[in-house]
Amino acid sequence: QVQLVESGGGLVQAGGSLRLSCVVSGLIFSKFGMGWFRQAPGKAREFVAAISWSGDMTYYADSVKGRFTMSRDNDNNSVYLQMISLKPEDTADYYCAVIRSAPSNGHYYVPDSYDFWGQGTQVIVSS
């Protein structure tokens, strides 16, 4: 049974930082790419960042480039999302997900490409 457990969310003031973590179990973690998505109330789930199985390729939404950094630790079956210079518009539930197959880079950006999802962790950025 594949499980993804996110943590690290919380309430932070604008300009602050948070580091999200996601621990994965039930599969060979080092074989698969990973992604972070977010969903604000009343809005569709949107791509935030993704990383290849080896960690040598990362992808970011334009809205977070230069502020968010995604990384992975294959020894600990974990991915991370370091977020700095947070803005109120970053407020959302954040989800990590596993992508088993990415025939092209474009697949990383699409929620339907992902096979397994966590339950999410809430991030609230106050102004």
Foldseek 3Di string as FASTA:
>chain_A
DKAKAKDWADEEAQQAKIKMKIAIDDDQLLQWKKFKWWDAPPGDIFGAKIAGSNRPDMDGDPVQPPFWDKGDDSVRRMIMIIGGSDDQVVWTWMKMFIANDDPDPVLRGDPVRTDDIHPTDTHGYHD
